[in-house]
């Protein structure tokens, strides 16, 4: 039976059956931003990290965006 809307299901990082964006306390490399994004969208953590590292060589604010997300995404409890 599914939990009521707004109630936590039995799995960490999930709210009402939908994954929430929260940095994990385990399995992270630096701050857990890539792991949080991968967990939220059910992607491979390795793939998200690889895309981020490859994007660093492209011009743009990727590093600044990472720092901002580090500050904005809460830690998983």
C-alpha atoms as a PDB file:
ATOM      1  CA  UNK A   1       0.000   0.000   0.000  1.00  0.00           C
ATOM      2  CA  UNK A   2       1.398   3.405  -0.965  1.00  0.00           C
ATOM      3  CA  UNK A   3       1.999   6.015   1.732  1.00  0.00           C
ATOM      4  CA  UNK A   4      -0.305   9.013   1.935  1.00  0.00           C
ATOM      5  CA  UNK A   5       0.864  12.112   0.039  1.00  0.00           C
ATOM      6  CA  UNK A   6       3.481  13.981   2.022  1.00  0.00           C
ATOM      7  CA  UNK A   7       4.302  10.947   4.150  1.00  0.00           C
ATOM      8  CA  UNK A   8       7.678   9.260   3.988  1.00  0.00           C
ATOM      9  CA  UNK A   9       7.914   5.855   2.434  1.00  0.00           C
ATOM     10  CA  UNK A  10      10.281   3.277   3.913  1.00  0.00           C
ATOM     11  CA  UNK A  11      13.179   4.251   1.639  1.00  0.00           C
ATOM     12  CA  UNK A  12      15.571   7.091   2.444  1.00  0.00           C
ATOM     13  CA  UNK A  13      15.472  10.046   0.094  1.00  0.00           C
ATOM     14  CA  UNK A  14      11.925   9.341  -1.044  1.00  0.00           C
ATOM     15  CA  UNK A  15       8.850  11.389  -0.309  1.00  0.00           C
ATOM     16  CA  UNK A  16       5.474  10.028  -1.306  1.00  0.00           C
ATOM     17  CA  UNK A  17       7.065   7.676  -3.847  1.00  0.00           C
ATOM     18  CA  UNK A  18       9.029  10.476  -5.561  1.00  0.00           C
ATOM     19  CA  UNK A  19      12.767  10.774  -5.019  1.00  0.00           C
ATOM     20  CA  UNK A  20      13.805  13.985  -3.298  1.00  0.00           C
ATOM     21  CA  UNK A  21      16.949  15.943  -4.023  1.00  0.00           C
ATOM     22  CA  UNK A  22      19.199  15.398  -1.006  1.00  0.00           C
ATOM     23  CA  UNK A  23      22.940  14.833  -0.731  1.00  0.00           C
ATOM     24  CA  UNK A  24      23.697  11.329   0.582  1.00  0.00           C
ATOM     25  CA  UNK A  25      25.861  10.827   3.650  1.00  0.00           C
ATOM     26  CA  UNK A  26      27.493   7.728   2.133  1.00  0.00           C
ATOM     27  CA  UNK A  27      28.757   7.004  -1.356  1.00  0.00           C
ATOM     28  CA  UNK A  28      29.686  10.567  -2.169  1.00  0.00           C
ATOM     29  CA  UNK A  29      33.025  11.676  -3.597  1.00  0.00           C
ATOM     30  CA  UNK A  30      33.290  15.388  -2.716  1.00  0.00           C
ATOM     31  CA  UNK A  31      30.012  16.853  -1.486  1.00  0.00           C
ATOM     32  CA  UNK A  32      27.450  14.435  -2.897  1.00  0.00           C
ATOM     33  CA  UNK A  33      25.950  16.797  -5.481  1.00  0.00           C
ATOM     34  CA  UNK A  34      26.386  14.410  -8.431  1.00  0.00           C
ATOM     35  CA  UNK A  35      25.179  11.480  -6.298  1.00  0.00           C
ATOM     36  CA  UNK A  36      22.076  13.468  -5.282  1.00  0.00           C
ATOM     37  CA  UNK A  37      21.261  14.293  -8.906  1.00  0.00           C
ATOM     38  CA  UNK A  38      21.841  10.675  -9.976  1.00  0.00           C
ATOM     39  CA  UNK A  39      19.661   9.306  -7.167  1.00  0.00           C
ATOM     40  CA  UNK A  40      16.878  11.808  -7.906  1.00  0.00           C
ATOM     41  CA  UNK A  41      16.612  10.834 -11.572  1.00  0.00           C
ATOM     42  CA  UNK A  42      17.550   7.143 -11.114  1.00  0.00           C
ATOM     43  CA  UNK A  43      20.727   7.525 -13.178  1.00  0.00           C
ATOM     44  CA  UNK A  44      24.126   5.957 -12.644  1.00  0.00           C
ATOM     45  CA  UNK A  45      26.256   7.972 -10.204  1.00  0.00           C
ATOM     46  CA  UNK A  46      29.306   7.213 -12.334  1.00  0.00           C
ATOM     47  CA  UNK A  47      27.586   8.573 -15.447  1.00  0.00           C
ATOM     48  CA  UNK A  48      26.577  11.841 -13.747  1.00  0.00           C
ATOM     49  CA  UNK A  49      30.097  12.305 -12.363  1.00  0.00           C
ATOM     50  CA  UNK A  50      31.615  11.567 -15.771  1.00  0.00           C
ATOM     51  CA  UNK A  51      29.329  14.074 -17.501  1.00  0.00           C
ATOM     52  CA  UNK A  52      30.244  16.710 -14.918  1.00  0.00           C
ATOM     53  CA  UNK A  53      33.996  16.104 -15.258  1.00  0.00           C
ATOM     54  CA  UNK A  54      33.795  16.177 -19.073  1.00  0.00           C
ATOM     55  CA  UNK A  55      31.720  19.383 -18.920  1.00  0.00           C
ATOM     56  CA  UNK A  56      34.461  21.096 -16.890  1.00  0.00           C
ATOM     57  CA  UNK A  57      36.610  21.383 -20.051  1.00  0.00           C
ATOM     58  CA  UNK A  58      33.784  23.243 -21.806  1.00  0.00           C
ATOM     59  CA  UNK A  59      33.438  26.978 -21.207  1.00  0.00           C
ATOM     60  CA  UNK A  60      30.808  27.865 -18.640  1.00  0.00           C
ATOM     61  CA  UNK A  61      30.068  28.152 -14.938  1.00  0.00           C
ATOM     62  CA  UNK A  62      30.015  24.418 -14.110  1.00  0.00           C
ATOM     63  CA  UNK A  63      32.302  24.699 -11.081  1.00  0.00           C
ATOM     64  CA  UNK A  64      30.371  27.665  -9.693  1.00  0.00           C
ATOM     65  CA  UNK A  65      27.101  25.778 -10.266  1.00  0.00           C
ATOM     66  CA  UNK A  66      28.508  22.809  -8.320  1.00  0.00           C
ATOM     67  CA  UNK A  67      29.365  25.070  -5.359  1.00  0.00           C
ATOM     68  CA  UNK A  68      25.894  26.663  -5.449  1.00  0.00           C
ATOM     69  CA  UNK A  69      24.197  23.242  -5.538  1.00  0.00           C
ATOM     70  CA  UNK A  70      26.447  22.093  -2.678  1.00  0.00           C
ATOM     71  CA  UNK A  71      25.045  24.936  -0.595  1.00  0.00           C
ATOM     72  CA  UNK A  72      21.402  24.600  -1.714  1.00  0.00           C
ATOM     73  CA  UNK A  73      20.874  20.815  -1.686  1.00  0.00           C
ATOM     74  CA  UNK A  74      20.282  19.622   1.879  1.00  0.00           C
ATOM     75  CA  UNK A  75      22.005  16.595   3.373  1.00  0.00           C
ATOM     76  CA  UNK A  76      19.965  13.410   3.537  1.00  0.00           C
ATOM     77  CA  UNK A  77      18.935  12.601   7.098  1.00  0.00           C
END
